[in-house]
Protein backbone atom coordinates (compact mmCIF):
# COMPACT_ATOMS: atom_id res chain seq x y z
CA MET A 1 -27.97 105.90 -23.51
CA VAL A 2 -24.25 106.30 -22.80
CA LYS A 3 -22.78 109.72 -23.35
CA ALA A 4 -19.21 110.23 -24.49
CA LYS A 5 -16.92 112.29 -22.32
CA ALA A 6 -16.18 115.42 -24.33
CA GLY A 7 -13.55 118.11 -23.99
CA ILE A 8 -9.80 118.12 -24.51
CA ARG A 9 -7.78 117.46 -21.39
CA LEU A 10 -4.12 117.66 -20.48
CA SER A 11 -3.91 113.86 -20.75
CA ASP A 12 -5.11 114.10 -24.39
CA ILE A 13 -2.35 116.59 -25.22
CA LEU A 14 0.22 114.39 -23.49
CA VAL A 15 -0.91 111.26 -25.35
CA ALA A 16 -0.97 113.11 -28.70
CA THR A 17 2.54 114.43 -28.04
CA ILE A 18 3.86 110.95 -27.25
CA VAL A 19 2.30 109.56 -30.45
CA VAL A 20 3.87 112.31 -32.57
CA VAL A 21 7.28 111.82 -30.95
CA LEU A 22 7.13 108.07 -31.60
CA LEU A 23 6.01 108.43 -35.23
CA LEU A 24 8.16 111.38 -36.27
CA PRO A 25 11.43 109.43 -36.72
CA PHE A 26 9.76 107.24 -39.38
CA PHE A 27 9.14 110.36 -41.48
CA LEU A 28 12.36 112.24 -40.70
CA PHE A 29 14.87 109.42 -40.95
CA PRO A 30 14.56 106.95 -43.87
CA SER A 31 16.92 104.57 -42.08
CA VAL A 32 14.39 104.15 -39.27
CA TYR A 33 11.65 103.19 -41.70
CA GLU A 34 14.00 100.83 -43.57
CA ALA A 35 14.94 99.16 -40.28
CA TYR A 36 11.23 98.77 -39.56
CA ARG A 37 10.67 97.15 -42.97
CA THR A 38 13.61 94.83 -42.45
CA LEU A 39 12.28 93.70 -39.08
CA ASN A 40 8.88 93.06 -40.66
CA ALA A 41 10.44 90.99 -43.42
CA GLU A 42 12.74 88.96 -41.17
CA HIS A 43 10.62 88.68 -38.02
CA GLY A 44 7.07 89.11 -39.31
CA TYR A 45 5.25 87.22 -36.56
CA LEU A 46 7.23 88.78 -33.74
CA MET A 47 6.56 92.23 -35.18
CA ALA A 48 2.87 91.37 -35.57
CA PHE A 49 2.77 90.54 -31.86
CA VAL A 50 4.52 93.77 -30.89
CA LYS A 51 2.48 96.05 -33.16
CA PHE A 52 -0.89 94.71 -32.15
CA ALA A 53 0.06 94.51 -28.48
CA PHE A 54 0.84 98.22 -28.51
CA LEU A 55 -1.46 99.70 -31.13
CA ALA A 56 -4.67 97.73 -30.61
CA THR A 57 -4.38 98.11 -26.84
CA PHE A 58 -3.90 101.82 -27.42
CA GLY A 59 -7.11 101.73 -29.45
CA GLU A 60 -8.93 100.23 -26.48
CA CYS A 61 -7.51 102.98 -24.27
CA ILE A 62 -8.90 105.54 -26.70
CA GLY A 63 -12.27 103.80 -26.58
CA LEU A 64 -12.15 103.95 -22.79
CA ARG A 65 -11.30 107.65 -22.95
CA ILE A 66 -14.27 108.31 -25.22
CA ARG A 67 -16.65 106.64 -22.78
CA THR A 68 -15.22 107.51 -19.36
CA GLY A 69 -12.89 110.45 -19.85
CA LYS A 70 -9.87 108.38 -18.79
CA TYR A 71 -7.34 106.32 -20.75
CA TYR A 72 -6.92 103.88 -17.90
CA HIS A 73 -8.63 102.82 -14.70
CA SER A 74 -8.03 100.21 -12.03
CA GLY A 75 -9.08 96.79 -13.26
CA PHE A 76 -8.70 97.69 -16.93
CA GLY A 77 -5.97 95.08 -17.34
CA LEU A 78 -3.51 96.85 -19.61
CA ILE A 79 -0.93 94.06 -19.72
CA PRO A 80 -3.47 91.20 -20.12
CA ARG A 81 -5.14 93.10 -22.96
CA ALA A 82 -1.77 93.67 -24.62
CA LEU A 83 -0.96 89.96 -24.37
CA VAL A 84 -4.29 89.04 -25.95
CA TRP A 85 -3.81 91.55 -28.77
CA GLY A 86 -0.26 90.34 -29.35
CA PHE A 87 -1.51 86.79 -29.78
CA LEU A 88 -4.35 87.98 -32.02
CA GLY A 89 -1.82 89.96 -34.06
CA ILE A 90 -0.04 86.71 -34.89
CA THR A 91 -3.33 85.10 -35.95
CA ILE A 92 -4.06 88.11 -38.18
CA LYS A 93 -0.65 87.76 -39.79
CA ILE A 94 -1.38 84.09 -40.48
CA ALA A 95 -4.85 84.94 -41.81
CA PHE A 96 -3.33 87.50 -44.20
CA VAL A 97 -1.12 84.78 -45.63
CA ILE A 98 -3.92 82.20 -45.89
CA PHE A 99 -6.56 84.45 -47.42
CA GLY A 100 -4.12 86.57 -49.42
CA GLU A 101 -3.02 83.43 -51.25
CA GLY A 102 -6.21 81.40 -51.03
CA ALA A 103 -8.88 83.91 -52.10
CA PRO A 104 -7.35 84.58 -55.55
CA TYR A 105 -6.90 80.84 -56.02
CA ALA A 106 -10.57 80.32 -55.16
CA LEU A 107 -11.44 82.78 -57.93
CA LYS A 108 -9.31 80.75 -60.31
CA THR A 109 -11.27 77.60 -59.44
CA MET A 110 -14.44 79.53 -60.32
CA GLY A 111 -13.14 80.17 -63.82
CA VAL A 112 -11.48 83.56 -63.42
CA VAL A 113 -8.43 83.71 -65.69
CA PHE A 114 -5.18 85.06 -64.23
CA PRO A 115 -2.07 86.04 -66.23
CA ASP A 116 0.24 84.19 -63.81
CA PRO A 117 0.15 80.53 -62.67
CA ASN A 118 0.00 81.84 -59.09
CA PRO A 119 -3.25 83.88 -58.87
CA ALA A 120 -2.05 85.71 -55.75
CA TYR A 121 0.67 87.35 -57.85
CA ILE A 122 -1.93 89.81 -59.10
CA LEU A 123 -2.02 91.35 -55.60
CA ARG A 124 1.74 91.98 -55.80
CA SER A 125 1.51 93.70 -59.16
CA PRO A 126 2.10 97.48 -59.01
CA GLU A 127 -0.49 98.12 -61.73
CA PHE A 128 -4.13 98.59 -60.86
CA SER A 129 -6.66 96.51 -62.77
CA GLY A 130 -10.18 95.22 -62.46
CA LEU A 131 -8.76 91.73 -61.80
CA LYS A 132 -6.64 93.08 -58.97
CA LEU A 133 -9.67 94.84 -57.48
CA LEU A 134 -11.72 91.65 -57.73
CA SER A 135 -8.95 89.65 -56.04
CA ALA A 136 -8.55 92.20 -53.24
CA PHE A 137 -12.31 92.22 -52.73
CA ALA A 138 -12.29 88.41 -52.55
CA VAL A 139 -9.66 88.61 -49.82
CA GLY A 140 -11.69 91.22 -47.93
CA VAL A 141 -14.87 89.15 -48.13
CA THR A 142 -13.41 85.76 -47.22
CA LEU A 143 -11.16 87.17 -44.51
CA ASN A 144 -14.06 88.93 -42.81
CA LEU A 145 -16.68 86.23 -43.27
CA PHE A 146 -14.60 83.21 -42.23
CA PHE A 147 -11.95 84.63 -39.88
CA ALA A 148 -13.24 87.89 -38.41
CA PRO A 149 -16.33 86.53 -36.55
CA VAL A 150 -14.30 83.90 -34.69
CA PHE A 151 -11.57 86.46 -34.06
CA MET A 152 -14.01 89.03 -32.63
CA ILE A 153 -15.90 86.53 -30.47
CA PHE A 154 -12.63 85.16 -29.09
CA HIS A 155 -11.51 88.69 -28.28
CA ARG A 156 -14.79 89.41 -26.50
CA ILE A 157 -14.50 86.23 -24.42
CA THR A 158 -10.96 87.12 -23.32
CA ASP A 159 -12.12 90.68 -22.63
CA MET A 160 -14.85 89.36 -20.32
CA HIS A 161 -12.31 87.07 -18.66
CA ILE A 162 -10.00 90.03 -17.97
CA ILE A 163 -12.86 92.08 -16.52
CA GLU A 164 -14.03 89.15 -14.40
CA ASN A 165 -10.55 88.88 -12.88
CA HIS A 166 -10.26 92.64 -12.30
CA GLY A 167 -7.49 93.08 -14.84
CA THR A 168 -4.87 91.22 -12.80
CA ILE A 169 -2.08 89.31 -14.49
CA ARG A 170 -2.54 86.39 -12.10
CA GLY A 171 -6.25 86.25 -12.82
CA PHE A 172 -5.60 86.42 -16.54
CA PHE A 173 -3.66 83.15 -16.44
CA THR A 174 -6.48 81.29 -14.70
CA PRO A 175 -8.61 78.99 -16.91
CA ILE A 176 -11.14 80.88 -19.02
CA ARG A 177 -14.73 79.84 -18.33
CA VAL A 178 -15.52 79.68 -22.04
CA GLY A 179 -18.97 78.14 -21.69
CA TYR A 180 -19.97 80.66 -19.02
CA GLN A 181 -18.62 83.60 -21.02
CA ILE A 182 -20.38 82.48 -24.20
CA SER A 183 -23.69 82.12 -22.36
CA HIS A 184 -23.31 85.63 -20.90
CA LEU A 185 -22.03 87.32 -24.05
CA ASP A 186 -24.28 90.09 -25.37
CA TRP A 187 -25.12 88.48 -28.70
CA ASN A 188 -27.41 91.36 -29.60
CA SER A 189 -24.49 93.78 -29.49
CA MET A 190 -22.15 91.28 -31.15
CA TRP A 191 -24.53 90.69 -34.06
CA ASN A 192 -26.21 94.07 -34.54
CA PHE A 193 -23.10 96.20 -34.09
CA VAL A 194 -19.85 94.26 -34.41
CA LEU A 195 -20.79 91.75 -37.11
CA LYS A 196 -23.81 93.19 -38.88
CA LYS A 197 -22.49 96.74 -39.22
CA THR A 198 -18.71 96.92 -38.89
CA VAL A 199 -17.92 93.86 -41.05
CA PRO A 200 -19.82 94.78 -44.25
CA PHE A 201 -19.62 98.56 -43.97
CA PHE A 202 -16.07 99.00 -42.70
CA TRP A 203 -13.91 95.89 -42.57
CA ILE A 204 -14.59 94.39 -46.00
CA PRO A 205 -13.96 97.72 -47.80
CA ALA A 206 -10.98 98.46 -45.52
CA GLN A 207 -9.27 95.13 -46.17
CA THR A 208 -10.07 95.36 -49.88
CA LEU A 209 -8.20 98.67 -49.93
CA ASN A 210 -5.39 97.17 -47.87
CA PHE A 211 -4.77 94.38 -50.38
CA LEU A 212 -4.76 96.87 -53.24
CA LEU A 213 -1.75 98.58 -51.68
CA PRO A 214 1.84 97.41 -52.19
CA GLU A 215 2.54 94.32 -50.13
CA GLU A 216 5.14 96.00 -47.94
CA TRP A 217 2.59 98.61 -46.84
CA ARG A 218 -0.04 96.15 -45.62
CA VAL A 219 1.58 95.55 -42.25
CA LEU A 220 1.62 99.28 -41.54
CA VAL A 221 -1.99 99.68 -42.67
CA ALA A 222 -3.04 96.67 -40.61
CA ALA A 223 -1.43 98.31 -37.59
CA ILE A 224 -3.50 101.44 -38.17
CA TYR A 225 -6.61 99.31 -38.59
CA SER A 226 -5.83 97.61 -35.28
CA ILE A 227 -6.26 100.94 -33.51
CA ILE A 228 -9.66 101.38 -35.15
CA LEU A 229 -10.58 97.80 -34.29
CA GLY A 230 -9.56 98.37 -30.69
CA VAL A 231 -11.81 101.43 -30.51
CA LEU A 232 -14.79 99.67 -32.10
CA LEU A 233 -14.57 96.56 -29.93
CA SER A 234 -13.92 98.61 -26.81
CA VAL A 235 -16.99 100.73 -27.45
CA ALA A 236 -19.06 97.59 -28.11
CA SER A 237 -17.76 96.08 -24.88
CA LEU A 238 -18.61 99.17 -22.85
CA MET A 239 -22.07 99.34 -24.45
CA GLU A 240 -22.64 95.79 -23.28
CA GLU A 241 -21.45 96.58 -19.75
CA LYS A 242 -23.84 99.51 -19.57
CA ARG A 243 -26.81 97.28 -20.42
CA VAL A 244 -26.00 94.84 -17.58
C-alpha cells in the first residue's frame, strides 16, 4: 500500500501563496474578470488550451505532492504534460459543444417536449426546472460514457510515453508506441478506479451540476474540475507505477 506524504511544508505555503496572488485580482477587480470572460468568448479554444495546460498540470503536481512529498521531480515532464493537457483542453471544449447541444436533442427524439425549437436552449435558461435538470443529466451521462473513457485512456497512454522518455521534450515528440502502451496499461486500475468509480460517482454528477450553471460559468468550473481530474489521474498513474 502506498502512503501519502503528510505534513505542511514551506513549498506548500509558497504554492498556496502563488495561487492566492493569481486568483485575487479576479475577485478584487471586476475589469480583470470581464477581460477573462471576453477572452473566453472571443478565443474559446485558445483559452481552453491555456487553462488546461496550467490548471490540469497543476493538479498532477498536487497528486505528485500527495504521493511523494514533492511537486516536481526529474523526469516528471512538466512541459510535455502541459502540452498534452492543453490539447486535451481543446477536445473538452469541443465535447462541451457537441454534447451540450446533442444530448438535449437526443431527449427530444425520445419524445421529451421542449418549449423551444432548439432543445439546448433549456440549458441557457436562467430558471431551474425538472426539464433543465434532465437535460443537464443527459449531458453528464453522454459526455462521460462516450467521451470520457477515450479521453482518459488517451491521457494515460501519453502519460506512459512521457515517463518512458524521462520527461524530456525531445522524447515527447518521438512516435508514441500506442500498441505497446495499450498492452502495458494497467487495465485493472483504469477500470476499477478511473472508469468504474470516478465516472459514475463524481464526473456524471459534477458535469450535471456544471450544465445547470449559467453558460458563462462553465468554462471556469471546467477549469476547476481539470485540477481535480489531474489529481485523480495522477494518483491512478502512481498507483499503477507502484504495482509494477
